[in-house]
Amino acid sequence: MVSATARVALPLSDYDPQPCLRAPAHAVLRPAVPAIDAHCHVDSQPLDEVARIMDAAGIETMVNISLAKDRELDAVLARHRTAPRGRFVLFVLADWDGWAQGRGIAPMVEMLERRVAQGARGLKVWKDLGLRARDAGGRLLRADDERFAPLFAKAAELGIPVMLHLGDPAAFFTPVDARNERYEELAAHPDWSFYGPQYPAWEEILEQQARLIARHPETRFIGAHMGGAAEDLARVSAWLDRFPNFAVDISARAAELGRQPRAARALFLRHPERILFGSDLLPSTEMYRLYYRFLQTEDEYFPYPTHGSGQGRWRIYGLGLPPNVLERIYAANVREWIPALRGG
């Protein structure tokens, strides 16, 4: 007989099952070596407060991937000049708004050169390229458009990396329905959905990215969020085999990597010099410690670090990476791919 309690309707948003599983749980308070967070967004937070979190969590330096447009960057740069020395590095955003007015690539190249002279140390290309930005004729701009070549050539000339966040998780390109594994996240953030005829397919975005990287072998690219393909690690591994000028960061993808721990660990061991530590989440000691637990232990079925709404109804498994790989991911690779962090 089914009890009355079992028949009570429960809204999905209120369902929060707590595992009965009894498994080893390790509290990892600090990284194996002082870490560099290669992917943060801290434009709106007091940097002295962020620095205190960094000290508590064992973060040596943060790379602030600013999403401020050029007209807003003076204030961001001013904040960085008053920040504790050596704790923050700034990447600036490629702003495609001028294409709708027919201004073309020259102002973007000039902006990059000017901002690097003022202290910026990398360029961020965000997902508006390929998904929303349009030219003066109303046509969607493609990431592999040959008209953009001078911008990426200038990055190579200046000796700075280009961080690519093209596309988004694969589920964001599928119908927001009962079969979508990230339904709750998309319900909370409907503007994150890129399903429909007005958008390119997920596969097309990834192919544009590969063509862009191949076209500019002299430019160093960092693929944010596992290059946008955390659901397809065989593809990521093939890119790393093919493109010596390409690395990836793990930011905001512990959820995806941690649910496929054997494949993820194999990728980390195959390409230990091409994977960078990053969070992409609001700085907190609790968030960082979940990342450390994921990378350093073999714990099973524990929560992943998240921005609040969660990415899907699953938990993750630790990779238990060896010390030499942890040293590379936490710091050495970041210094290699972002020259401003090398010191000396």
C-alpha atoms as a PDB file:
ATOM      1  CA  MET A   1       0.000   0.000   0.000  1.00  0.00           C
ATOM      2  CA  VAL A   2       1.356   3.447  -0.955  1.00  0.00           C
ATOM      3  CA  SER A   3       1.457   5.861   1.974  1.00  0.00           C
ATOM      4  CA  ALA A   4      -0.265   9.221   1.884  1.00  0.00           C
ATOM      5  CA  THR A   5       3.099  10.914   2.279  1.00  0.00           C
ATOM      6  CA  ALA A   6       4.478   9.252  -0.840  1.00  0.00           C
ATOM      7  CA  ARG A   7       1.499  10.489  -2.886  1.00  0.00           C
ATOM      8  CA  VAL A   8       1.989  14.170  -2.022  1.00  0.00           C
ATOM      9  CA  ALA A   9       2.995  16.171  -5.075  1.00  0.00           C
ATOM     10  CA  LEU A  10       6.452  17.684  -4.708  1.00  0.00           C
ATOM     11  CA  PRO A  11       7.602  20.541  -6.956  1.00  0.00           C
ATOM     12  CA  LEU A  12      10.819  19.656  -8.717  1.00  0.00           C
ATOM     13  CA  SER A  13      12.364  22.900  -7.510  1.00  0.00           C
ATOM     14  CA  ASP A  14      11.882  21.719  -3.902  1.00  0.00           C
ATOM     15  CA  TYR A  15      13.329  18.261  -4.459  1.00  0.00           C
ATOM     16  CA  ASP A  16      16.767  18.112  -2.830  1.00  0.00           C
ATOM     17  CA  PRO A  17      17.669  14.465  -2.175  1.00  0.00           C
ATOM     18  CA  GLN A  18      20.464  13.840   0.289  1.00  0.00           C
ATOM     19  CA  PRO A  19      22.539  10.743  -0.541  1.00  0.00           C
ATOM     20  CA  CYS A  20      22.481   7.864   1.897  1.00  0.00           C
ATOM     21  CA  LEU A  21      25.802   6.701   0.449  1.00  0.00           C
ATOM     22  CA  ARG A  22      28.576   6.283   3.005  1.00  0.00           C
ATOM     23  CA  ALA A  23      31.864   6.987   1.254  1.00  0.00           C
ATOM     24  CA  PRO A  24      35.230   8.527   2.208  1.00  0.00           C
ATOM     25  CA  ALA A  25      35.140  12.320   2.323  1.00  0.00           C
ATOM     26  CA  HIS A  26      38.294  14.422   2.448  1.00  0.00           C
ATOM     27  CA  ALA A  27      38.369  18.102   3.306  1.00  0.00           C
ATOM     28  CA  VAL A  28      41.074  19.642   1.118  1.00  0.00           C
ATOM     29  CA  LEU A  29      41.650  23.110   2.488  1.00  0.00           C
ATOM     30  CA  ARG A  30      44.441  24.234   0.179  1.00  0.00           C
ATOM     31  CA  PRO A  31      45.813  23.290  -3.252  1.00  0.00           C
ATOM     32  CA  ALA A  32      48.797  20.998  -3.574  1.00  0.00           C
ATOM     33  CA  VAL A  33      50.855  24.052  -4.584  1.00  0.00           C
ATOM     34  CA  PRO A  34      49.961  27.760  -4.485  1.00  0.00           C
ATOM     35  CA  ALA A  35      47.464  28.102  -7.329  1.00  0.00           C
ATOM     36  CA  ILE A  36      46.743  30.645 -10.030  1.00  0.00           C
ATOM     37  CA  ASP A  37      43.092  31.049 -10.969  1.00  0.00           C
ATOM     38  CA  ALA A  38      43.282  31.639 -14.718  1.00  0.00           C
ATOM     39  CA  HIS A  39      39.606  32.540 -15.156  1.00  0.00           C
ATOM     40  CA  CYS A  40      37.775  34.907 -12.791  1.00  0.00           C
ATOM     41  CA  HIS A  41      35.364  37.816 -13.061  1.00  0.00           C
ATOM     42  CA  VAL A  42      35.994  40.285 -10.234  1.00  0.00           C
ATOM     43  CA  ASP A  43      35.227  43.665 -11.806  1.00  0.00           C
ATOM     44  CA  SER A  44      32.452  44.353  -9.286  1.00  0.00           C
ATOM     45  CA  GLN A  45      34.119  43.127  -6.075  1.00  0.00           C
ATOM     46  CA  PRO A  46      36.570  45.058  -3.871  1.00  0.00           C
ATOM     47  CA  LEU A  47      39.936  43.563  -4.753  1.00  0.00           C
ATOM     48  CA  ASP A  48      41.254  43.792  -1.179  1.00  0.00           C
ATOM     49  CA  GLU A  49      38.345  41.586  -0.047  1.00  0.00           C
ATOM     50  CA  VAL A  50      39.033  39.154  -2.888  1.00  0.00           C
ATOM     51  CA  ALA A  51      42.702  39.077  -1.878  1.00  0.00           C
ATOM     52  CA  ARG A  52      41.716  37.950   1.634  1.00  0.00           C
ATOM     53  CA  ILE A  53      39.738  35.047   0.144  1.00  0.00           C
ATOM     54  CA  MET A  54      42.735  34.202  -2.025  1.00  0.00           C
ATOM     55  CA  ASP A  55      45.004  34.065   1.028  1.00  0.00           C
ATOM     56  CA  ALA A  56      42.605  31.773   2.861  1.00  0.00           C
ATOM     57  CA  ALA A  57      42.207  29.469  -0.149  1.00  0.00           C
ATOM     58  CA  GLY A  58      45.826  29.317  -1.290  1.00  0.00           C
ATOM     59  CA  ILE A  59      45.342  31.341  -4.494  1.00  0.00           C
ATOM     60  CA  GLU A  60      48.488  33.215  -5.456  1.00  0.00           C
ATOM     61  CA  THR A  61      47.129  35.215  -8.401  1.00  0.00           C
ATOM     62  CA  MET A  62      43.829  35.733 -10.210  1.00  0.00           C
ATOM     63  CA  VAL A  63      43.359  36.456 -13.890  1.00  0.00           C
ATOM     64  CA  ASN A  64      40.417  38.847 -14.120  1.00  0.00           C
ATOM     65  CA  ILE A  65      38.620  38.226 -17.410  1.00  0.00           C
ATOM     66  CA  SER A  66      36.879  41.581 -17.663  1.00  0.00           C
ATOM     67  CA  LEU A  67      33.573  41.785 -19.504  1.00  0.00           C
ATOM     68  CA  ALA A  68      33.698  45.596 -19.474  1.00  0.00           C
ATOM     69  CA  LYS A  69      33.432  47.316 -22.849  1.00  0.00           C
ATOM     70  CA  ASP A  70      36.257  49.645 -23.906  1.00  0.00           C
ATOM     71  CA  ARG A  71      34.463  52.749 -22.615  1.00  0.00           C
ATOM     72  CA  GLU A  72      34.268  51.148 -19.147  1.00  0.00           C
ATOM     73  CA  LEU A  73      37.823  49.854 -18.964  1.00  0.00           C
ATOM     74  CA  ASP A  74      39.468  52.984 -17.569  1.00  0.00           C
ATOM     75  CA  ALA A  75      37.764  52.375 -14.210  1.00  0.00           C
ATOM     76  CA  VAL A  76      38.682  48.674 -14.261  1.00  0.00           C
ATOM     77  CA  LEU A  77      42.329  49.440 -15.004  1.00  0.00           C
ATOM     78  CA  ALA A  78      42.384  52.065 -12.254  1.00  0.00           C
ATOM     79  CA  ARG A  79      41.141  49.477  -9.729  1.00  0.00           C
ATOM     80  CA  HIS A  80      43.855  47.065 -10.791  1.00  0.00           C
ATOM     81  CA  ARG A  81      46.557  49.694 -10.271  1.00  0.00           C
ATOM     82  CA  THR A  82      45.498  50.041  -6.616  1.00  0.00           C
ATOM     83  CA  ALA A  83      45.232  46.277  -6.014  1.00  0.00           C
ATOM     84  CA  PRO A  84      47.854  44.331  -4.038  1.00  0.00           C
ATOM     85  CA  ARG A  85      50.894  44.018  -6.288  1.00  0.00           C
ATOM     86  CA  GLY A  86      51.159  40.803  -8.276  1.00  0.00           C
ATOM     87  CA  ARG A  87      47.765  39.419  -7.223  1.00  0.00           C
ATOM     88  CA  PHE A  88      45.676  40.281 -10.307  1.00  0.00           C
ATOM     89  CA  VAL A  89      46.168  40.185 -14.067  1.00  0.00           C
ATOM     90  CA  LEU A  90      43.618  41.696 -16.458  1.00  0.00           C
ATOM     91  CA  PHE A  91      42.245  40.428 -19.780  1.00  0.00           C
ATOM     92  CA  VAL A  92      40.171  42.832 -21.897  1.00  0.00           C
ATOM     93  CA  LEU A  93      37.083  42.049 -23.929  1.00  0.00           C
ATOM     94  CA  ALA A  94      36.819  42.071 -27.719  1.00  0.00           C
ATOM     95  CA  ASP A  95      33.839  44.362 -28.367  1.00  0.00           C
ATOM     96  CA  TRP A  96      32.013  43.575 -31.611  1.00  0.00           C
ATOM     97  CA  ASP A  97      29.428  46.366 -31.320  1.00  0.00           C
ATOM     98  CA  GLY A  98      31.231  48.487 -33.902  1.00  0.00           C
ATOM     99  CA  TRP A  99      30.527  45.981 -36.652  1.00  0.00           C
ATOM    100  CA  ALA A 100      26.842  46.873 -36.583  1.00  0.00           C
ATOM    101  CA  GLN A 101      27.866  50.466 -37.415  1.00  0.00           C
ATOM    102  CA  GLY A 102      30.272  49.310 -40.118  1.00  0.00           C
ATOM    103  CA  ARG A 103      33.440  50.318 -38.241  1.00  0.00           C
ATOM    104  CA  GLY A 104      35.340  47.079 -38.934  1.00  0.00           C
ATOM    105  CA  ILE A 105      38.446  45.625 -37.298  1.00  0.00           C
ATOM    106  CA  ALA A 106      40.828  48.604 -37.189  1.00  0.00           C
ATOM    107  CA  PRO A 107      39.323  50.184 -34.011  1.00  0.00           C
ATOM    108  CA  MET A 108      39.493  46.815 -32.239  1.00  0.00           C
ATOM    109  CA  VAL A 109      43.169  46.415 -33.097  1.00  0.00           C
ATOM    110  CA  GLU A 110      43.853  49.952 -31.874  1.00  0.00           C
ATOM    111  CA  MET A 111      41.935  49.293 -28.647  1.00  0.00           C
ATOM    112  CA  LEU A 112      43.939  46.155 -27.929  1.00  0.00           C
ATOM    113  CA  GLU A 113      47.261  47.865 -28.514  1.00  0.00           C
ATOM    114  CA  ARG A 114      46.257  50.805 -26.317  1.00  0.00           C
ATOM    115  CA  ARG A 115      44.922  48.678 -23.475  1.00  0.00           C
ATOM    116  CA  VAL A 116      47.971  46.417 -23.411  1.00  0.00           C
ATOM    117  CA  ALA A 117      50.137  49.539 -23.135  1.00  0.00           C
ATOM    118  CA  GLN A 118      47.984  50.502 -20.130  1.00  0.00           C
ATOM    119  CA  GLY A 119      48.409  47.151 -18.390  1.00  0.00           C
ATOM    120  CA  ALA A 120      46.085  44.533 -19.922  1.00  0.00           C
ATOM    121  CA  ARG A 121      47.742  41.162 -20.408  1.00  0.00           C
ATOM    122  CA  GLY A 122      45.309  39.166 -22.555  1.00  0.00           C
ATOM    123  CA  LEU A 123      42.274  39.331 -24.834  1.00  0.00           C
ATOM    124  CA  LYS A 124      38.922  37.684 -24.180  1.00  0.00           C
ATOM    125  CA  VAL A 125      36.657  36.679 -27.078  1.00  0.00           C
ATOM    126  CA  TRP A 126      33.202  35.973 -25.681  1.00  0.00           C
ATOM    127  CA  LYS A 127      30.279  33.945 -27.001  1.00  0.00           C
ATOM    128  CA  ASP A 128      28.516  36.988 -28.468  1.00  0.00           C
ATOM    129  CA  LEU A 129      30.811  36.294 -31.423  1.00  0.00           C
ATOM    130  CA  GLY A 130      29.089  33.531 -33.346  1.00  0.00           C
ATOM    131  CA  LEU A 131      25.801  33.738 -31.438  1.00  0.00           C
ATOM    132  CA  ARG A 132      24.581  37.337 -31.296  1.00  0.00           C
ATOM    133  CA  ALA A 133      26.954  39.944 -32.767  1.00  0.00           C
ATOM    134  CA  ARG A 134      26.007  41.113 -36.260  1.00  0.00           C
ATOM    135  CA  ASP A 135      27.473  43.265 -39.005  1.00  0.00           C
ATOM    136  CA  ALA A 136      25.944  46.357 -40.578  1.00  0.00           C
ATOM    137  CA  GLY A 137      23.902  44.157 -42.918  1.00  0.00           C
ATOM    138  CA  GLY A 138      22.351  42.253 -40.008  1.00  0.00           C
ATOM    139  CA  ARG A 139      24.360  39.093 -40.706  1.00  0.00           C
ATOM    140  CA  LEU A 140      25.579  37.015 -37.781  1.00  0.00           C
ATOM    141  CA  LEU A 141      29.336  37.331 -37.303  1.00  0.00           C
ATOM    142  CA  ARG A 142      31.256  34.047 -37.436  1.00  0.00           C
ATOM    143  CA  ALA A 143      34.241  33.304 -35.230  1.00  0.00           C
ATOM    144  CA  ASP A 144      36.261  32.165 -38.243  1.00  0.00           C
ATOM    145  CA  ASP A 145      35.574  35.293 -40.324  1.00  0.00           C
ATOM    146  CA  GLU A 146      38.812  36.159 -42.147  1.00  0.00           C
ATOM    147  CA  ARG A 147      38.170  39.890 -41.579  1.00  0.00           C
ATOM    148  CA  PHE A 148      39.143  39.400 -37.927  1.00  0.00           C
ATOM    149  CA  ALA A 149      42.666  38.172 -38.744  1.00  0.00           C
ATOM    150  CA  PRO A 150      44.394  41.504 -37.881  1.00  0.00           C
ATOM    151  CA  LEU A 151      43.097  41.338 -34.301  1.00  0.00           C
ATOM    152  CA  PHE A 152      44.514  37.874 -33.655  1.00  0.00           C
ATOM    153  CA  ALA A 153      47.740  38.748 -35.446  1.00  0.00           C
ATOM    154  CA  LYS A 154      48.087  41.790 -33.181  1.00  0.00           C
ATOM    155  CA  ALA A 155      47.668  39.592 -30.089  1.00  0.00           C
ATOM    156  CA  ALA A 156      50.538  37.428 -31.327  1.00  0.00           C
ATOM    157  CA  GLU A 157      52.662  40.511 -32.025  1.00  0.00           C
ATOM    158  CA  LEU A 158      52.005  41.847 -28.510  1.00  0.00           C
ATOM    159  CA  GLY A 159      52.836  38.470 -26.973  1.00  0.00           C
ATOM    160  CA  ILE A 160      49.500  38.046 -25.215  1.00  0.00           C
ATOM    161  CA  PRO A 161      47.110  35.050 -25.247  1.00  0.00           C
ATOM    162  CA  VAL A 162      43.540  35.059 -26.522  1.00  0.00           C
ATOM    163  CA  MET A 163      40.945  33.365 -24.324  1.00  0.00           C
ATOM    164  CA  LEU A 164      38.057  31.939 -26.357  1.00  0.00           C
ATOM    165  CA  HIS A 165      34.605  31.394 -24.882  1.00  0.00           C
ATOM    166  CA  LEU A 166      32.732  30.414 -28.019  1.00  0.00           C
ATOM    167  CA  GLY A 167      29.432  28.631 -27.701  1.00  0.00           C
ATOM    168  CA  ASP A 168      28.224  27.123 -24.438  1.00  0.00           C
ATOM    169  CA  PRO A 169      27.264  23.705 -22.986  1.00  0.00           C
ATOM    170  CA  ALA A 170      25.731  21.313 -25.494  1.00  0.00           C
ATOM    171  CA  ALA A 171      22.407  21.254 -23.621  1.00  0.00           C
ATOM    172  CA  PHE A 172      21.982  24.988 -24.235  1.00  0.00           C
ATOM    173  CA  PHE A 173      21.571  24.204 -27.940  1.00  0.00           C
ATOM    174  CA  THR A 174      18.802  21.618 -27.494  1.00  0.00           C
ATOM    175  CA  PRO A 175      15.078  22.105 -26.759  1.00  0.00           C
ATOM    176  CA  VAL A 176      14.316  23.282 -23.228  1.00  0.00           C
ATOM    177  CA  ASP A 177      11.995  20.407 -22.426  1.00  0.00           C
ATOM    178  CA  ALA A 178      11.725  17.334 -20.225  1.00  0.00           C
ATOM    179  CA  ARG A 179      14.675  15.688 -22.004  1.00  0.00           C
ATOM    180  CA  ASN A 180      17.117  18.534 -21.417  1.00  0.00           C
ATOM    181  CA  GLU A 181      19.571  17.545 -18.684  1.00  0.00           C
ATOM    182  CA  ARG A 182      20.031  21.205 -17.689  1.00  0.00           C
ATOM    183  CA  TYR A 183      16.348  22.118 -17.738  1.00  0.00           C
ATOM    184  CA  GLU A 184      16.374  23.718 -14.286  1.00  0.00           C
ATOM    185  CA  GLU A 185      19.395  25.876 -15.099  1.00  0.00           C
ATOM    186  CA  LEU A 186      17.835  27.051 -18.353  1.00  0.00           C
ATOM    187  CA  ALA A 187      14.484  27.646 -16.688  1.00  0.00           C
ATOM    188  CA  ALA A 188      16.270  29.917 -14.231  1.00  0.00           C
ATOM    189  CA  HIS A 189      18.243  31.611 -17.037  1.00  0.00           C
ATOM    190  CA  PRO A 190      16.141  31.453 -20.230  1.00  0.00           C
ATOM    191  CA  ASP A 191      18.509  33.833 -22.031  1.00  0.00           C
ATOM    192  CA  TRP A 192      21.185  31.101 -21.847  1.00  0.00           C
ATOM    193  CA  SER A 193      19.258  28.973 -24.340  1.00  0.00           C
ATOM    194  CA  PHE A 194      20.605  29.016 -27.905  1.00  0.00           C
ATOM    195  CA  TYR A 195      18.128  26.596 -29.404  1.00  0.00           C
ATOM    196  CA  GLY A 196      16.334  27.725 -32.535  1.00  0.00           C
ATOM    197  CA  PRO A 197      16.869  28.619 -36.187  1.00  0.00           C
ATOM    198  CA  GLN A 198      18.341  32.015 -35.297  1.00  0.00           C
ATOM    199  CA  TYR A 199      21.409  30.311 -33.789  1.00  0.00           C
ATOM    200  CA  PRO A 200      24.118  28.060 -35.241  1.00  0.00           C
ATOM    201  CA  ALA A 201      24.282  24.477 -34.000  1.00  0.00           C
ATOM    202  CA  TRP A 202      26.709  23.572 -31.201  1.00  0.00           C
ATOM    203  CA  GLU A 203      28.801  21.561 -33.656  1.00  0.00           C
ATOM    204  CA  GLU A 204      29.087  24.512 -36.023  1.00  0.00           C
ATOM    205  CA  ILE A 205      30.359  26.791 -33.250  1.00  0.00           C
ATOM    206  CA  LEU A 206      33.050  24.244 -32.358  1.00  0.00           C
ATOM    207  CA  GLU A 207      34.063  23.899 -35.998  1.00  0.00           C
ATOM    208  CA  GLN A 208      34.384  27.670 -36.326  1.00  0.00           C
ATOM    209  CA  GLN A 209      36.638  27.692 -33.277  1.00  0.00           C
ATOM    210  CA  ALA A 210      38.881  24.971 -34.716  1.00  0.00           C
ATOM    211  CA  ARG A 211      39.220  26.849 -38.014  1.00  0.00           C
ATOM    212  CA  LEU A 212      40.123  30.039 -36.148  1.00  0.00           C
ATOM    213  CA  ILE A 213      42.860  28.319 -34.137  1.00  0.00           C
ATOM    214  CA  ALA A 214      44.246  26.597 -37.234  1.00  0.00           C
ATOM    215  CA  ARG A 215      44.348  29.885 -39.165  1.00  0.00           C
ATOM    216  CA  HIS A 216      46.530  31.614 -36.540  1.00  0.00           C
ATOM    217  CA  PRO A 217      49.314  29.202 -35.481  1.00  0.00           C
ATOM    218  CA  GLU A 218      51.392  32.126 -34.202  1.00  0.00           C
ATOM    219  CA  THR A 219      48.682  33.146 -31.710  1.00  0.00           C
ATOM    220  CA  ARG A 220      48.241  31.352 -28.399  1.00  0.00           C
ATOM    221  CA  PHE A 221      44.628  30.500 -27.603  1.00  0.00           C
ATOM    222  CA  ILE A 222      43.148  29.341 -24.297  1.00  0.00           C
ATOM    223  CA  GLY A 223      39.813  27.572 -24.696  1.00  0.00           C
ATOM    224  CA  ALA A 224      37.677  28.589 -21.730  1.00  0.00           C
ATOM    225  CA  HIS A 225      35.486  25.910 -20.158  1.00  0.00           C
ATOM    226  CA  MET A 226      37.408  22.983 -21.712  1.00  0.00           C
ATOM    227  CA  GLY A 227      37.236  24.686 -25.078  1.00  0.00           C
ATOM    228  CA  GLY A 228      33.442  24.632 -24.955  1.00  0.00           C
ATOM    229  CA  ALA A 229      33.366  20.847 -25.399  1.00  0.00           C
ATOM    230  CA  ALA A 230      33.480  19.346 -21.900  1.00  0.00           C
ATOM    231  CA  GLU A 231      30.799  16.863 -22.988  1.00  0.00           C
ATOM    232  CA  ASP A 232      33.120  15.516 -25.731  1.00  0.00           C
ATOM    233  CA  LEU A 233      36.577  14.956 -24.281  1.00  0.00           C
ATOM    234  CA  ALA A 234      37.703  12.928 -27.293  1.00  0.00           C
ATOM    235  CA  ARG A 235      37.198  16.072 -29.354  1.00  0.00           C
ATOM    236  CA  VAL A 236      39.139  18.169 -26.834  1.00  0.00           C
ATOM    237  CA  SER A 237      42.011  15.673 -26.852  1.00  0.00           C
ATOM    238  CA  ALA A 238      42.091  15.716 -30.665  1.00  0.00           C
ATOM    239  CA  TRP A 239      42.308  19.515 -30.643  1.00  0.00           C
ATOM    240  CA  LEU A 240      45.198  19.404 -28.187  1.00  0.00           C
ATOM    241  CA  ASP A 241      46.950  16.840 -30.379  1.00  0.00           C
ATOM    242  CA  ARG A 242      46.401  18.950 -33.497  1.00  0.00           C
ATOM    243  CA  PHE A 243      46.992  22.504 -32.255  1.00  0.00           C
ATOM    244  CA  PRO A 244      50.215  23.228 -30.332  1.00  0.00           C
ATOM    245  CA  ASN A 245      48.975  26.830 -29.906  1.00  0.00           C
ATOM    246  CA  PHE A 246      45.888  25.734 -27.939  1.00  0.00           C
ATOM    247  CA  ALA A 247      45.285  25.018 -24.253  1.00  0.00           C
ATOM    248  CA  VAL A 248      42.069  24.740 -22.218  1.00  0.00           C
ATOM    249  CA  ASP A 249      40.952  25.784 -18.763  1.00  0.00           C
ATOM    250  CA  ILE A 250      38.634  23.832 -16.478  1.00  0.00           C
ATOM    251  CA  SER A 251      36.619  26.842 -15.304  1.00  0.00           C
ATOM    252  CA  ALA A 252      32.963  26.106 -14.466  1.00  0.00           C
ATOM    253  CA  ARG A 253      33.311  22.574 -15.818  1.00  0.00           C
ATOM    254  CA  ALA A 254      34.017  20.489 -12.710  1.00  0.00           C
ATOM    255  CA  ALA A 255      30.416  19.291 -13.030  1.00  0.00           C
ATOM    256  CA  GLU A 256      30.993  17.973 -16.550  1.00  0.00           C
ATOM    257  CA  LEU A 257      34.459  16.566 -15.903  1.00  0.00           C
ATOM    258  CA  GLY A 258      33.602  15.043 -12.546  1.00  0.00           C
ATOM    259  CA  ARG A 259      30.770  12.900 -13.884  1.00  0.00           C
ATOM    260  CA  GLN A 260      33.182  11.206 -16.339  1.00  0.00           C
ATOM    261  CA  PRO A 261      36.212  10.813 -14.064  1.00  0.00           C
ATOM    262  CA  ARG A 262      37.989   8.057 -15.978  1.00  0.00           C
ATOM    263  CA  ALA A 263      37.861   9.903 -19.298  1.00  0.00           C
ATOM    264  CA  ALA A 264      38.751  13.198 -17.623  1.00  0.00           C
ATOM    265  CA  ARG A 265      41.702  11.727 -15.741  1.00  0.00           C
ATOM    266  CA  ALA A 266      42.994  10.118 -18.937  1.00  0.00           C
ATOM    267  CA  LEU A 267      42.815  13.494 -20.691  1.00  0.00           C
ATOM    268  CA  PHE A 268      44.681  15.246 -17.871  1.00  0.00           C
ATOM    269  CA  LEU A 269      47.415  12.608 -17.923  1.00  0.00           C
ATOM    270  CA  ARG A 270      47.694  12.704 -21.733  1.00  0.00           C
ATOM    271  CA  HIS A 271      47.950  16.507 -21.893  1.00  0.00           C
ATOM    272  CA  PRO A 272      49.274  17.627 -18.487  1.00  0.00           C
ATOM    273  CA  GLU A 273      50.962  20.690 -19.987  1.00  0.00           C
ATOM    274  CA  ARG A 274      47.862  22.016 -21.766  1.00  0.00           C
ATOM    275  CA  ILE A 275      45.209  22.237 -19.023  1.00  0.00           C
ATOM    276  CA  LEU A 276      44.864  25.307 -16.780  1.00  0.00           C
ATOM    277  CA  PHE A 277      43.165  25.742 -13.430  1.00  0.00           C
ATOM    278  CA  GLY A 278      40.319  28.275 -13.368  1.00  0.00           C
ATOM    279  CA  SER A 279      37.041  28.761 -11.515  1.00  0.00           C
ATOM    280  CA  ASP A 280      34.765  31.298 -13.288  1.00  0.00           C
ATOM    281  CA  LEU A 281      32.751  31.469 -10.061  1.00  0.00           C
ATOM    282  CA  LEU A 282      32.443  34.125  -7.380  1.00  0.00           C
ATOM    283  CA  PRO A 283      35.533  33.746  -5.174  1.00  0.00           C
ATOM    284  CA  SER A 284      34.946  31.859  -1.940  1.00  0.00           C
ATOM    285  CA  THR A 285      36.990  29.433   0.126  1.00  0.00           C
ATOM    286  CA  GLU A 286      34.204  26.836  -0.064  1.00  0.00           C
ATOM    287  CA  MET A 287      34.128  26.950  -3.859  1.00  0.00           C
ATOM    288  CA  TYR A 288      37.899  26.549  -4.174  1.00  0.00           C
ATOM    289  CA  ARG A 289      37.967  23.661  -1.722  1.00  0.00           C
ATOM    290  CA  LEU A 290      35.481  21.728  -3.834  1.00  0.00           C
ATOM    291  CA  TYR A 291      37.789  22.226  -6.826  1.00  0.00           C
ATOM    292  CA  TYR A 292      40.759  20.966  -4.791  1.00  0.00           C
ATOM    293  CA  ARG A 293      38.785  17.945  -3.631  1.00  0.00           C
ATOM    294  CA  PHE A 294      37.844  17.209  -7.247  1.00  0.00           C
ATOM    295  CA  LEU A 295      41.427  17.420  -8.508  1.00  0.00           C
ATOM    296  CA  GLN A 296      43.333  15.918  -5.572  1.00  0.00           C
ATOM    297  CA  THR A 297      41.190  13.124  -4.086  1.00  0.00           C
ATOM    298  CA  GLU A 298      39.454   9.979  -5.248  1.00  0.00           C
ATOM    299  CA  ASP A 299      36.312  10.819  -3.290  1.00  0.00           C
ATOM    300  CA  GLU A 300      33.051   9.646  -4.806  1.00  0.00           C
ATOM    301  CA  TYR A 301      29.712  11.288  -5.454  1.00  0.00           C
ATOM    302  CA  PHE A 302      30.076  14.737  -3.901  1.00  0.00           C
ATOM    303  CA  PRO A 303      28.720  18.182  -4.876  1.00  0.00           C
ATOM    304  CA  TYR A 304      30.433  20.173  -7.602  1.00  0.00           C
ATOM    305  CA  PRO A 305      31.241  23.882  -7.256  1.00  0.00           C
ATOM    306  CA  THR A 306      28.445  25.930  -8.783  1.00  0.00           C
ATOM    307  CA  HIS A 307      27.221  29.477  -9.295  1.00  0.00           C
ATOM    308  CA  GLY A 308      23.935  28.836  -7.481  1.00  0.00           C
ATOM    309  CA  SER A 309      21.312  27.303  -9.746  1.00  0.00           C
ATOM    310  CA  GLY A 310      23.374  24.195 -10.482  1.00  0.00           C
ATOM    311  CA  GLN A 311      24.238  22.707 -13.847  1.00  0.00           C
ATOM    312  CA  GLY A 312      22.459  19.385 -13.610  1.00  0.00           C
ATOM    313  CA  ARG A 313      21.124  16.779 -11.182  1.00  0.00           C
ATOM    314  CA  TRP A 314      24.273  14.771 -10.706  1.00  0.00           C
ATOM    315  CA  ARG A 315      27.297  14.683  -8.425  1.00  0.00           C
ATOM    316  CA  ILE A 316      30.982  14.260  -9.215  1.00  0.00           C
ATOM    317  CA  TYR A 317      33.956  11.997  -8.544  1.00  0.00           C
ATOM    318  CA  GLY A 318      37.515  13.023  -7.731  1.00  0.00           C
ATOM    319  CA  LEU A 319      40.323  12.587 -10.260  1.00  0.00           C
ATOM    320  CA  GLY A 320      43.118  11.873  -7.768  1.00  0.00           C
ATOM    321  CA  LEU A 321      45.753  13.470  -9.980  1.00  0.00           C
ATOM    322  CA  PRO A 322      49.455  12.841  -9.235  1.00  0.00           C
ATOM    323  CA  PRO A 323      51.579  15.659  -7.733  1.00  0.00           C
ATOM    324  CA  ASN A 324      53.495  16.452 -10.922  1.00  0.00           C
ATOM    325  CA  VAL A 325      50.258  16.960 -12.856  1.00  0.00           C
ATOM    326  CA  LEU A 326      48.710  19.057 -10.073  1.00  0.00           C
ATOM    327  CA  GLU A 327      51.765  21.326 -10.065  1.00  0.00           C
ATOM    328  CA  ARG A 328      51.332  21.948 -13.773  1.00  0.00           C
ATOM    329  CA  ILE A 329      47.583  22.528 -13.724  1.00  0.00           C
ATOM    330  CA  TYR A 330      47.524  24.748 -10.658  1.00  0.00           C
ATOM    331  CA  ALA A 331      50.359  27.069 -11.664  1.00  0.00           C
ATOM    332  CA  ALA A 332      53.075  26.072 -14.160  1.00  0.00           C
ATOM    333  CA  ASN A 333      50.780  25.854 -17.172  1.00  0.00           C
ATOM    334  CA  VAL A 334      49.112  29.157 -16.362  1.00  0.00           C
ATOM    335  CA  ARG A 335      52.506  30.878 -16.247  1.00  0.00           C
ATOM    336  CA  GLU A 336      53.479  29.249 -19.519  1.00  0.00           C
ATOM    337  CA  TRP A 337      50.326  30.343 -21.373  1.00  0.00           C
ATOM    338  CA  ILE A 338      50.027  33.810 -19.802  1.00  0.00           C
ATOM    339  CA  PRO A 339      53.502  35.349 -20.099  1.00  0.00           C
ATOM    340  CA  ALA A 340      52.702  38.231 -17.730  1.00  0.00           C
ATOM    341  CA  LEU A 341      52.685  35.703 -14.861  1.00  0.00           C
ATOM    342  CA  ARG A 342      56.179  34.356 -15.419  1.00  0.00           C
ATOM    343  CA  GLY A 343      57.892  37.020 -13.374  1.00  0.00           C
ATOM    344  CA  GLY A 344      61.496  37.990 -13.700  1.00  0.00           C
END
